[in-house]
Amino acid sequence: MHTTHHSRIDLSSVTGLILAGGKSTRMAGQNKAQKLLGGKTLLAHSCDILASSVSPLLISSGRHDYTLASEAPYITLADRAELGPLEGILAGLTWVKNNTPHRWLAVMPCDAPFTPTNWLTLLCAERPCWSPMDTDATIALAPRYVRCHDTDHYAHALWPVDAIPAVAHALKTHRLAIRQVLKAIQAKAIDISSHCEPESFLNINKLEDLVKAEHNLACKSLKKQPK
């Protein structure tokens, strides 16, 4: 019989990684990680969200030079930034393997400032979708990604250090989509819809997305004010 207990992942075995090395091609040539939302950069929003659950915190910076006004301590990992986010994920996994006893890397993008602070706790605690062929052992070791309101969010995921060879091979063979690699290593979807609003994992890719996000933030602030 399958039990939820065996499918949990201990947060103390997890390092965090923010993907912030992209070229922001849809942001009119501006680095979206450094765009302000509510007086704080998008990158700082993501750092604060992830740092509330895990330590240490890594930032895949690509060729960018980041200095954050954030309370969360962080370590930047530079890479060539030519092959997309998988390159940053490989750098993160390799750093974890070489510098910590941790078994997992929690990854999230720099452009999702409304990500719930408990998303990683839910990803670690909730039972994955499974098939009759899965055992408790395979479920416990399986990579995980977020599913919310019928949408898969592959950039919000838990990667095991054991995935290093698969990620390296994908980069070598130019299979660069995160989704493809997660599927190849039999990642499990964790549906957290009951805990989140539909727009919790909204990505800010364009300037108009940022305007909409500012509006949403202002609306949420008004709702929190006492009447």
Protein backbone atom coordinates (compact mmCIF):
# COMPACT_ATOMS: atom_id res chain seq x y z
CA MET A 1 0.00 0.00 0.00
CA HIS A 2 1.24 3.48 -0.84
CA THR A 3 1.57 5.95 2.02
CA THR A 4 1.93 9.70 1.95
CA HIS A 5 4.71 9.51 4.53
CA HIS A 6 7.16 7.91 2.15
CA SER A 7 6.58 10.49 -0.58
CA ARG A 8 7.57 13.51 1.52
CA ILE A 9 10.83 15.38 0.90
CA ASP A 10 12.65 16.97 3.82
CA LEU A 11 13.19 20.70 3.24
CA SER A 12 16.49 20.46 5.11
CA SER A 13 17.86 18.49 2.14
CA VAL A 14 16.95 21.19 -0.40
CA THR A 15 18.98 24.09 -1.88
CA GLY A 16 17.16 26.90 -3.73
CA LEU A 17 17.91 28.30 -7.20
CA ILE A 18 16.43 31.37 -8.92
CA LEU A 19 16.64 31.40 -12.72
CA ALA A 20 17.71 34.94 -13.65
CA GLY A 21 20.20 34.55 -16.47
CA GLY A 22 17.86 35.05 -19.42
CA LYS A 23 18.03 37.66 -22.16
CA SER A 24 14.52 39.10 -21.50
CA THR A 25 13.88 39.27 -25.24
CA ARG A 26 10.20 40.19 -24.75
CA MET A 27 10.93 42.97 -22.26
CA ALA A 28 12.00 45.59 -24.82
CA GLY A 29 15.66 44.83 -24.24
CA GLN A 30 15.47 45.45 -20.49
CA ASN A 31 16.50 42.87 -17.89
CA LYS A 32 13.20 41.82 -16.35
CA ALA A 33 14.87 40.51 -13.19
CA GLN A 34 15.74 44.11 -12.31
CA LYS A 35 12.33 45.60 -13.09
CA LEU A 36 10.52 47.01 -10.08
CA LEU A 37 7.20 45.77 -8.76
CA GLY A 38 5.86 47.46 -5.65
CA GLY A 39 9.23 49.12 -5.10
CA LYS A 40 11.17 45.84 -5.18
CA THR A 41 12.85 44.08 -8.10
CA LEU A 42 11.27 40.95 -9.51
CA LEU A 43 14.44 39.06 -8.61
CA ALA A 44 14.25 40.23 -4.99
CA HIS A 45 10.61 39.09 -4.82
CA SER A 46 11.63 35.60 -5.97
CA CYS A 47 14.61 35.47 -3.63
CA ASP A 48 12.48 36.37 -0.62
CA ILE A 49 9.87 33.75 -1.57
CA LEU A 50 12.35 30.91 -1.94
CA ALA A 51 14.59 31.94 0.95
CA SER A 52 11.61 31.65 3.29
CA SER A 53 11.78 27.86 2.81
CA VAL A 54 15.37 26.83 2.04
CA SER A 55 19.03 27.71 2.44
CA PRO A 56 21.45 28.25 0.81
CA LEU A 57 19.96 30.30 -2.03
CA LEU A 58 21.59 30.36 -5.47
CA ILE A 59 20.96 32.77 -8.35
CA SER A 60 21.65 31.64 -11.90
CA SER A 61 22.84 35.01 -13.19
CA GLY A 62 24.05 34.19 -16.69
CA ARG A 63 26.14 37.16 -17.74
CA HIS A 64 24.29 39.62 -15.51
CA ASP A 65 25.84 41.25 -12.45
CA TYR A 66 23.31 41.35 -9.65
CA THR A 67 23.45 43.23 -6.37
CA LEU A 68 20.25 42.77 -4.40
CA ALA A 69 18.68 44.87 -1.70
CA SER A 70 17.31 41.70 -0.17
CA GLU A 71 17.45 40.30 3.34
CA ALA A 72 18.06 36.84 1.91
CA PRO A 73 21.76 35.86 1.63
CA TYR A 74 22.55 34.48 -1.80
CA ILE A 75 25.28 33.05 -4.03
CA THR A 76 25.44 33.94 -7.73
CA LEU A 77 26.34 31.32 -10.33
CA ALA A 78 27.51 32.71 -13.67
CA ASP A 79 27.26 30.70 -16.88
CA ARG A 80 27.44 31.35 -20.61
CA ALA A 81 23.66 31.86 -20.75
CA GLU A 82 23.63 30.64 -24.34
CA LEU A 83 21.48 27.53 -23.94
CA GLY A 84 18.69 28.81 -21.74
CA PRO A 85 17.55 27.92 -18.22
CA LEU A 86 18.75 24.31 -18.36
CA GLU A 87 22.30 25.64 -18.30
CA GLY A 88 21.52 27.42 -15.05
CA ILE A 89 19.85 24.33 -13.61
CA LEU A 90 22.93 22.23 -14.39
CA ALA A 91 25.16 24.83 -12.74
CA GLY A 92 22.92 24.76 -9.68
CA LEU A 93 22.81 20.97 -9.44
CA THR A 94 26.59 20.77 -9.82
CA TRP A 95 27.11 23.40 -7.11
CA VAL A 96 24.82 21.49 -4.73
CA LYS A 97 26.68 18.23 -5.39
CA ASN A 98 30.10 19.81 -4.82
CA ASN A 99 29.31 22.07 -1.88
CA THR A 100 26.51 20.57 0.22
CA PRO A 101 25.17 17.25 1.50
CA HIS A 102 21.79 18.14 -0.03
CA ARG A 103 20.01 15.84 -2.48
CA TRP A 104 17.60 18.32 -4.05
CA LEU A 105 17.53 21.63 -5.92
CA ALA A 106 14.35 23.72 -5.78
CA VAL A 107 14.10 25.89 -8.90
CA MET A 108 11.86 28.87 -9.59
CA PRO A 109 12.00 31.72 -12.15
CA CYS A 110 12.80 35.34 -11.37
CA ASP A 111 9.61 36.60 -13.03
CA ALA A 112 6.84 35.03 -10.91
CA PRO A 113 6.44 37.45 -7.97
CA PHE A 114 3.00 36.14 -6.91
CA THR A 115 4.29 32.63 -6.27
CA PRO A 116 2.86 31.53 -2.89
CA THR A 117 5.49 31.42 -0.15
CA ASN A 118 4.41 27.87 0.72
CA TRP A 119 4.70 26.47 -2.84
CA LEU A 120 7.85 24.51 -2.04
CA THR A 121 6.46 23.15 1.21
CA LEU A 122 3.46 21.88 -0.75
CA LEU A 123 5.68 20.40 -3.45
CA CYS A 124 7.64 18.50 -0.82
CA ALA A 125 4.64 17.36 1.19
CA GLU A 126 1.91 16.56 -1.33
CA ARG A 127 1.66 13.12 -2.87
CA PRO A 128 2.56 13.02 -6.59
CA CYS A 129 0.32 11.69 -9.32
CA TRP A 130 1.35 8.06 -9.64
CA SER A 131 0.72 4.99 -11.70
CA PRO A 132 0.24 1.39 -10.50
CA MET A 133 3.81 0.70 -11.63
CA ASP A 134 5.28 3.22 -9.17
CA THR A 135 6.61 2.14 -5.78
CA ASP A 136 7.03 4.23 -2.65
CA ALA A 137 10.76 4.34 -3.33
CA THR A 138 10.43 5.63 -6.91
CA ILE A 139 7.86 8.23 -5.85
CA ALA A 140 10.09 9.47 -3.02
CA LEU A 141 13.02 9.95 -5.42
CA ALA A 142 11.06 11.38 -8.34
CA PRO A 143 11.57 14.98 -9.50
CA ARG A 144 8.48 17.14 -9.01
CA TYR A 145 6.92 20.17 -10.69
CA VAL A 146 3.90 22.36 -9.95
CA ARG A 147 0.49 21.84 -11.48
CA CYS A 148 -2.04 24.56 -10.67
CA HIS A 149 -5.55 24.94 -12.08
CA ASP A 150 -4.89 22.61 -15.06
CA THR A 151 -1.62 24.33 -15.99
CA ASP A 152 1.83 22.80 -15.56
CA HIS A 153 4.57 25.13 -14.32
CA TYR A 154 7.78 23.33 -15.20
CA ALA A 155 10.02 26.21 -14.05
CA HIS A 156 8.76 25.64 -10.49
CA ALA A 157 10.29 22.26 -9.78
CA LEU A 158 12.34 20.04 -7.50
CA TRP A 159 15.34 18.44 -9.21
CA PRO A 160 17.41 15.64 -7.63
CA VAL A 161 21.19 15.91 -7.78
CA ASP A 162 21.06 12.52 -9.52
CA ALA A 163 19.58 14.30 -12.56
CA ILE A 164 22.97 15.88 -13.45
CA PRO A 165 23.84 13.33 -16.20
CA ALA A 166 20.39 13.68 -17.81
CA VAL A 167 20.54 17.48 -17.83
CA ALA A 168 24.11 17.48 -19.16
CA HIS A 169 23.11 15.06 -21.95
CA ALA A 170 20.09 17.21 -22.85
CA LEU A 171 22.32 20.28 -23.20
CA LYS A 172 24.85 18.34 -25.26
CA THR A 173 22.13 17.16 -27.65
CA HIS A 174 20.36 20.56 -27.69
CA ARG A 175 17.13 19.32 -26.07
CA LEU A 176 16.76 22.57 -24.18
CA ALA A 177 13.14 22.60 -22.98
CA ILE A 178 12.76 22.12 -19.22
CA ARG A 179 9.53 20.23 -19.85
CA GLN A 180 11.26 17.68 -22.09
CA VAL A 181 13.97 16.91 -19.57
CA LEU A 182 11.56 16.64 -16.63
CA LYS A 183 9.43 14.20 -18.62
CA ALA A 184 12.52 12.21 -19.60
CA ILE A 185 13.51 11.74 -15.95
CA GLN A 186 9.91 10.79 -15.03
CA ALA A 187 9.09 13.86 -12.98
CA LYS A 188 5.78 13.84 -11.12
CA ALA A 189 3.20 16.63 -11.21
CA ILE A 190 2.07 17.96 -7.84
CA ASP A 191 -1.37 19.54 -8.07
CA ILE A 192 -1.60 22.38 -5.53
CA SER A 193 -4.70 24.03 -7.03
CA SER A 194 -6.65 23.83 -3.78
CA HIS A 195 -4.03 26.01 -2.09
CA CYS A 196 -3.52 28.65 -4.81
CA GLU A 197 -5.31 31.21 -6.93
CA PRO A 198 -5.27 30.72 -10.74
CA GLU A 199 -2.80 33.60 -11.27
CA SER A 200 -0.39 32.58 -8.50
CA PHE A 201 2.26 31.51 -11.00
CA LEU A 202 1.81 34.37 -13.46
CA ASN A 203 5.02 35.09 -15.38
CA ILE A 204 6.01 38.66 -16.16
CA ASN A 205 7.58 38.51 -19.61
CA LYS A 206 6.50 41.82 -21.17
CA LEU A 207 6.12 45.41 -20.04
CA GLU A 208 2.33 45.09 -20.25
CA ASP A 209 2.55 42.09 -17.88
CA LEU A 210 4.36 44.34 -15.42
CA VAL A 211 1.63 46.98 -15.66
CA LYS A 212 -0.99 44.32 -14.98
CA ALA A 213 1.04 43.00 -12.05
CA GLU A 214 1.27 46.49 -10.52
CA HIS A 215 -2.52 46.77 -10.80
CA ASN A 216 -3.03 43.37 -9.17
CA LEU A 217 -0.63 44.28 -6.38
CA ALA A 218 -2.47 47.54 -5.73
CA CYS A 219 -5.82 45.71 -5.61
CA LYS A 220 -4.47 43.17 -3.12
CA SER A 221 -3.10 45.96 -0.96
CA LEU A 222 -6.49 47.69 -0.85
CA LYS A 223 -8.22 44.45 0.13
CA LYS A 224 -5.84 44.05 3.08
CA GLN A 225 -6.48 47.54 4.42
CA PRO A 226 -8.88 47.67 7.41
CA LYS A 227 -12.29 49.12 6.65
